[in-house]
Amino acid sequence: MDNAIIHGLFHLAIKTADLDRTRAFWCGVIGLREVARPDFGYPGAWLACGQPGGQAIIHVYAGGPALGGAASVPTGSAAIDHVSLSCTGYQAYLARFRDAGLDWREFVVPGTSLWQLFVYDPSGVQLELTFEGSQEIGMAPDLGPSRIYRAGESFFDPDRYPPLKLKPGAPDHATH
């Protein structure tokens, strides 16, 4: 009997040269929460969904052997094109992106009611937020030439990325 089963995404790992700004993006803009992280002997963070019992899904490396001895942290997502999260609150995410000074792109999956937002984290990892459009309130995605997402076209510019900071009152950090 074959009992091989995929239960879902356990985690993905991101390398960063700026732990505070990465934390501010994933927690302050996207809405994940920081959870306890074992002391691996180098800085990093574990970030989870904001729901009770949310599984840790983003592991951030800010040093140590996970960087492979490289003198600098590479940007972009290498062989991974993007990370997709299922979300609600399309207009709220647009407001968060505007408030944070982030650039983004929008898309509607052809032949479906799925709306998508594309944005980059501080390390250049492309994030896709996917929404059930029929359940969303407000305007549909802006598919104009300056906002429409085009596969394979990066709009990440590390020199123009905003200096994100967690706002006062944000959850405590476990910075092991």
C-alpha atoms as a PDB file:
ATOM      1  CA  MET A   1       0.000   0.000   0.000  1.00  0.00           C
ATOM      2  CA  ASP A   2       1.385   3.421  -0.989  1.00  0.00           C
ATOM      3  CA  ASN A   3       0.882   5.869   1.878  1.00  0.00           C
ATOM      4  CA  ALA A   4       2.859   8.787   0.436  1.00  0.00           C
ATOM      5  CA  ILE A   5       0.818  11.957   1.141  1.00  0.00           C
ATOM      6  CA  ILE A   6       1.587  15.646   0.765  1.00  0.00           C
ATOM      7  CA  HIS A   7       0.044  17.543   3.688  1.00  0.00           C
ATOM      8  CA  GLY A   8       0.990  21.051   2.563  1.00  0.00           C
ATOM      9  CA  LEU A   9       3.912  23.407   2.586  1.00  0.00           C
ATOM     10  CA  PHE A  10       6.034  22.881   5.730  1.00  0.00           C
ATOM     11  CA  HIS A  11       8.362  25.815   5.208  1.00  0.00           C
ATOM     12  CA  LEU A  12      10.477  27.691   2.747  1.00  0.00           C
ATOM     13  CA  ALA A  13      13.748  29.398   3.594  1.00  0.00           C
ATOM     14  CA  ILE A  14      14.894  32.857   2.540  1.00  0.00           C
ATOM     15  CA  LYS A  15      18.412  34.266   2.841  1.00  0.00           C
ATOM     16  CA  THR A  16      18.632  37.956   3.775  1.00  0.00           C
ATOM     17  CA  ALA A  17      21.248  40.626   4.319  1.00  0.00           C
ATOM     18  CA  ASP A  18      18.744  42.754   6.301  1.00  0.00           C
ATOM     19  CA  LEU A  19      16.865  40.779   8.956  1.00  0.00           C
ATOM     20  CA  ASP A  20      14.985  43.782  10.368  1.00  0.00           C
ATOM     21  CA  ARG A  21      13.680  44.936   6.996  1.00  0.00           C
ATOM     22  CA  THR A  22      12.776  41.360   6.019  1.00  0.00           C
ATOM     23  CA  ARG A  23      10.913  40.929   9.298  1.00  0.00           C
ATOM     24  CA  ALA A  24       9.120  44.260   8.741  1.00  0.00           C
ATOM     25  CA  PHE A  25       7.972  43.094   5.276  1.00  0.00           C
ATOM     26  CA  TRP A  26       6.749  39.625   6.215  1.00  0.00           C
ATOM     27  CA  CYS A  27       5.197  40.636   9.584  1.00  0.00           C
ATOM     28  CA  GLY A  28       4.282  44.299   9.179  1.00  0.00           C
ATOM     29  CA  VAL A  29       3.160  44.301   5.534  1.00  0.00           C
ATOM     30  CA  ILE A  30       2.142  40.704   4.786  1.00  0.00           C
ATOM     31  CA  GLY A  31       0.804  39.885   8.268  1.00  0.00           C
ATOM     32  CA  LEU A  32       2.740  36.823   9.379  1.00  0.00           C
ATOM     33  CA  ARG A  33       3.763  36.560  13.037  1.00  0.00           C
ATOM     34  CA  GLU A  34       7.112  35.664  14.496  1.00  0.00           C
ATOM     35  CA  VAL A  35       7.262  32.366  16.385  1.00  0.00           C
ATOM     36  CA  ALA A  36       9.940  30.795  18.574  1.00  0.00           C
ATOM     37  CA  ARG A  37      13.039  29.729  16.651  1.00  0.00           C
ATOM     38  CA  PRO A  38      15.725  27.326  17.904  1.00  0.00           C
ATOM     39  CA  ASP A  39      19.130  28.845  18.595  1.00  0.00           C
ATOM     40  CA  PHE A  40      21.116  27.766  15.542  1.00  0.00           C
ATOM     41  CA  GLY A  41      24.022  30.006  16.518  1.00  0.00           C
ATOM     42  CA  TYR A  42      23.295  32.643  13.877  1.00  0.00           C
ATOM     43  CA  PRO A  43      20.545  35.237  13.460  1.00  0.00           C
ATOM     44  CA  GLY A  44      17.275  34.548  11.716  1.00  0.00           C
ATOM     45  CA  ALA A  45      13.545  34.324  12.234  1.00  0.00           C
ATOM     46  CA  TRP A  46      10.659  31.891  11.857  1.00  0.00           C
ATOM     47  CA  LEU A  47       7.446  33.481  10.606  1.00  0.00           C
ATOM     48  CA  ALA A  48       4.025  31.820  10.632  1.00  0.00           C
ATOM     49  CA  CYS A  49       0.447  32.401   9.534  1.00  0.00           C
ATOM     50  CA  GLY A  50      -1.463  34.611  11.927  1.00  0.00           C
ATOM     51  CA  GLN A  51      -4.103  32.016  12.668  1.00  0.00           C
ATOM     52  CA  PRO A  52      -4.127  29.787  15.751  1.00  0.00           C
ATOM     53  CA  GLY A  53      -1.849  26.824  15.192  1.00  0.00           C
ATOM     54  CA  GLY A  54      -0.417  28.334  12.000  1.00  0.00           C
ATOM     55  CA  GLN A  55       2.494  26.240  10.782  1.00  0.00           C
ATOM     56  CA  ALA A  56       5.859  27.968  10.412  1.00  0.00           C
ATOM     57  CA  ILE A  57       6.185  28.650   6.706  1.00  0.00           C
ATOM     58  CA  ILE A  58       8.960  31.197   6.258  1.00  0.00           C
ATOM     59  CA  HIS A  59      12.418  30.541   7.684  1.00  0.00           C
ATOM     60  CA  VAL A  60      14.780  33.516   7.335  1.00  0.00           C
ATOM     61  CA  TYR A  61      18.570  33.087   7.415  1.00  0.00           C
ATOM     62  CA  ALA A  62      20.565  36.179   8.280  1.00  0.00           C
ATOM     63  CA  GLY A  63      23.925  34.465   8.645  1.00  0.00           C
ATOM     64  CA  GLY A  64      25.607  31.165   9.369  1.00  0.00           C
ATOM     65  CA  PRO A  65      26.190  28.077   7.267  1.00  0.00           C
ATOM     66  CA  ALA A  66      22.881  28.435   5.413  1.00  0.00           C
ATOM     67  CA  LEU A  67      24.474  31.244   3.412  1.00  0.00           C
ATOM     68  CA  GLY A  68      26.999  28.740   2.059  1.00  0.00           C
ATOM     69  CA  GLY A  69      30.049  30.786   2.998  1.00  0.00           C
ATOM     70  CA  ALA A  70      29.167  33.477   0.486  1.00  0.00           C
ATOM     71  CA  ALA A  71      30.522  36.956   1.166  1.00  0.00           C
ATOM     72  CA  SER A  72      27.187  38.483   0.162  1.00  0.00           C
ATOM     73  CA  VAL A  73      23.589  37.347   0.095  1.00  0.00           C
ATOM     74  CA  PRO A  74      22.205  36.797  -3.402  1.00  0.00           C
ATOM     75  CA  THR A  75      18.989  38.587  -4.300  1.00  0.00           C
ATOM     76  CA  GLY A  76      16.097  37.146  -6.211  1.00  0.00           C
ATOM     77  CA  SER A  77      14.573  33.754  -5.971  1.00  0.00           C
ATOM     78  CA  ALA A  78      17.184  31.737  -7.910  1.00  0.00           C
ATOM     79  CA  ALA A  79      15.438  28.617  -9.225  1.00  0.00           C
ATOM     80  CA  ILE A  80      12.243  29.441  -7.352  1.00  0.00           C
ATOM     81  CA  ASP A  81      10.121  31.813  -9.413  1.00  0.00           C
ATOM     82  CA  HIS A  82       7.771  32.844  -6.611  1.00  0.00           C
ATOM     83  CA  VAL A  83       5.992  31.843  -3.414  1.00  0.00           C
ATOM     84  CA  SER A  84       2.191  31.875  -3.460  1.00  0.00           C
ATOM     85  CA  LEU A  85      -0.047  32.371  -0.437  1.00  0.00           C
ATOM     86  CA  SER A  86      -3.831  32.060  -0.361  1.00  0.00           C
ATOM     87  CA  CYS A  87      -5.311  35.276   1.071  1.00  0.00           C
ATOM     88  CA  THR A  88      -8.373  37.424   1.648  1.00  0.00           C
ATOM     89  CA  GLY A  89      -8.495  41.217   1.838  1.00  0.00           C
ATOM     90  CA  TYR A  90      -7.283  42.325  -1.590  1.00  0.00           C
ATOM     91  CA  GLN A  91      -7.924  46.037  -1.001  1.00  0.00           C
ATOM     92  CA  ALA A  92      -6.316  45.890   2.452  1.00  0.00           C
ATOM     93  CA  TYR A  93      -3.122  44.452   0.944  1.00  0.00           C
ATOM     94  CA  LEU A  94      -3.097  47.191  -1.699  1.00  0.00           C
ATOM     95  CA  ALA A  95      -3.336  49.756   1.115  1.00  0.00           C
ATOM     96  CA  ARG A  96      -0.489  48.051   2.996  1.00  0.00           C
ATOM     97  CA  PHE A  97       1.713  48.097  -0.111  1.00  0.00           C
ATOM     98  CA  ARG A  98       0.987  51.797  -0.681  1.00  0.00           C
ATOM     99  CA  ASP A  99       1.627  52.651   2.981  1.00  0.00           C
ATOM    100  CA  ALA A 100       4.957  50.783   2.898  1.00  0.00           C
ATOM    101  CA  GLY A 101       6.054  52.400  -0.378  1.00  0.00           C
ATOM    102  CA  LEU A 102       6.216  49.032  -2.159  1.00  0.00           C
ATOM    103  CA  ASP A 103       5.793  48.462  -5.878  1.00  0.00           C
ATOM    104  CA  TRP A 104       3.424  45.653  -6.939  1.00  0.00           C
ATOM    105  CA  ARG A 105       1.679  44.103  -9.923  1.00  0.00           C
ATOM    106  CA  GLU A 106      -1.861  42.754 -10.340  1.00  0.00           C
ATOM    107  CA  PHE A 107      -3.361  39.895 -12.344  1.00  0.00           C
ATOM    108  CA  VAL A 108      -6.516  37.842 -12.916  1.00  0.00           C
ATOM    109  CA  VAL A 109      -5.913  34.165 -13.698  1.00  0.00           C
ATOM    110  CA  PRO A 110      -7.514  33.629 -17.142  1.00  0.00           C
ATOM    111  CA  GLY A 111     -10.782  31.713 -17.074  1.00  0.00           C
ATOM    112  CA  THR A 112     -11.060  31.905 -13.261  1.00  0.00           C
ATOM    113  CA  SER A 113     -12.190  34.294 -10.543  1.00  0.00           C
ATOM    114  CA  LEU A 114      -8.727  34.298  -8.939  1.00  0.00           C
ATOM    115  CA  TRP A 115      -7.165  37.714  -8.344  1.00  0.00           C
ATOM    116  CA  GLN A 116      -3.443  38.030  -7.686  1.00  0.00           C
ATOM    117  CA  LEU A 117      -1.015  40.570  -6.268  1.00  0.00           C
ATOM    118  CA  PHE A 118       2.734  40.259  -6.874  1.00  0.00           C
ATOM    119  CA  VAL A 119       5.294  41.981  -4.632  1.00  0.00           C
ATOM    120  CA  TYR A 120       8.926  41.410  -3.621  1.00  0.00           C
ATOM    121  CA  ASP A 121      10.413  40.963  -0.158  1.00  0.00           C
ATOM    122  CA  PRO A 122      13.651  42.843   0.690  1.00  0.00           C
ATOM    123  CA  SER A 123      15.818  39.963  -0.592  1.00  0.00           C
ATOM    124  CA  GLY A 124      14.112  39.983  -3.995  1.00  0.00           C
ATOM    125  CA  VAL A 125      11.907  36.929  -3.393  1.00  0.00           C
ATOM    126  CA  GLN A 126       8.758  37.313  -5.467  1.00  0.00           C
ATOM    127  CA  LEU A 127       5.548  36.766  -3.513  1.00  0.00           C
ATOM    128  CA  GLU A 128       2.179  36.025  -5.121  1.00  0.00           C
ATOM    129  CA  LEU A 129      -0.906  36.648  -2.996  1.00  0.00           C
ATOM    130  CA  THR A 130      -3.917  34.827  -4.464  1.00  0.00           C
ATOM    131  CA  PHE A 131      -7.520  35.784  -3.660  1.00  0.00           C
ATOM    132  CA  GLU A 132     -10.936  34.365  -4.579  1.00  0.00           C
ATOM    133  CA  GLY A 133     -12.154  37.472  -6.437  1.00  0.00           C
ATOM    134  CA  SER A 134     -15.834  36.600  -6.070  1.00  0.00           C
ATOM    135  CA  GLN A 135     -15.412  36.941  -2.294  1.00  0.00           C
ATOM    136  CA  GLU A 136     -13.527  40.242  -2.360  1.00  0.00           C
ATOM    137  CA  ILE A 137     -15.021  43.690  -1.837  1.00  0.00           C
ATOM    138  CA  GLY A 138     -13.930  46.656  -3.921  1.00  0.00           C
ATOM    139  CA  MET A 139     -12.428  47.232  -7.321  1.00  0.00           C
ATOM    140  CA  ALA A 140     -11.120  44.395  -9.453  1.00  0.00           C
ATOM    141  CA  PRO A 141      -7.377  44.244 -10.188  1.00  0.00           C
ATOM    142  CA  ASP A 142      -5.860  47.078 -12.208  1.00  0.00           C
ATOM    143  CA  LEU A 143      -4.720  45.435 -15.437  1.00  0.00           C
ATOM    144  CA  GLY A 144      -3.401  48.662 -16.964  1.00  0.00           C
ATOM    145  CA  PRO A 145       0.053  48.665 -18.560  1.00  0.00           C
ATOM    146  CA  SER A 146       1.860  49.936 -15.444  1.00  0.00           C
ATOM    147  CA  ARG A 147       0.220  47.473 -13.045  1.00  0.00           C
ATOM    148  CA  ILE A 148      -0.388  44.207 -14.906  1.00  0.00           C
ATOM    149  CA  TYR A 149       1.829  41.287 -13.940  1.00  0.00           C
ATOM    150  CA  ARG A 150       3.811  39.764 -16.804  1.00  0.00           C
ATOM    151  CA  ALA A 151       5.442  36.420 -16.145  1.00  0.00           C
ATOM    152  CA  GLY A 152       9.218  36.572 -16.367  1.00  0.00           C
ATOM    153  CA  GLU A 153       9.425  40.372 -16.036  1.00  0.00           C
ATOM    154  CA  SER A 154      11.058  41.388 -12.763  1.00  0.00           C
ATOM    155  CA  PHE A 155      10.242  44.755 -11.249  1.00  0.00           C
ATOM    156  CA  PHE A 156      12.531  44.270  -8.229  1.00  0.00           C
ATOM    157  CA  ASP A 157      15.112  47.015  -7.719  1.00  0.00           C
ATOM    158  CA  PRO A 158      17.180  46.537  -4.533  1.00  0.00           C
ATOM    159  CA  ASP A 159      18.395  50.151  -4.694  1.00  0.00           C
ATOM    160  CA  ARG A 160      14.828  51.498  -4.606  1.00  0.00           C
ATOM    161  CA  TYR A 161      13.406  49.137  -1.986  1.00  0.00           C
ATOM    162  CA  PRO A 162      11.818  51.146   0.856  1.00  0.00           C
ATOM    163  CA  PRO A 163      13.404  51.198   4.341  1.00  0.00           C
ATOM    164  CA  LEU A 164      10.691  49.147   6.082  1.00  0.00           C
ATOM    165  CA  LYS A 165      10.444  49.184   9.873  1.00  0.00           C
ATOM    166  CA  LEU A 166       8.073  47.312  12.172  1.00  0.00           C
ATOM    167  CA  LYS A 167       5.568  49.697  13.719  1.00  0.00           C
ATOM    168  CA  PRO A 168       5.372  50.108  17.515  1.00  0.00           C
ATOM    169  CA  GLY A 169       3.143  47.473  19.062  1.00  0.00           C
ATOM    170  CA  ALA A 170       4.197  44.781  16.580  1.00  0.00           C
ATOM    171  CA  PRO A 171       4.770  41.313  18.068  1.00  0.00           C
ATOM    172  CA  ASP A 172       7.997  40.704  20.008  1.00  0.00           C
ATOM    173  CA  HIS A 173      10.901  39.239  18.063  1.00  0.00           C
ATOM    174  CA  ALA A 174      12.549  35.917  18.817  1.00  0.00           C
ATOM    175  CA  THR A 175      15.990  36.696  17.358  1.00  0.00           C
ATOM    176  CA  HIS A 176      17.935  33.537  18.179  1.00  0.00           C
END
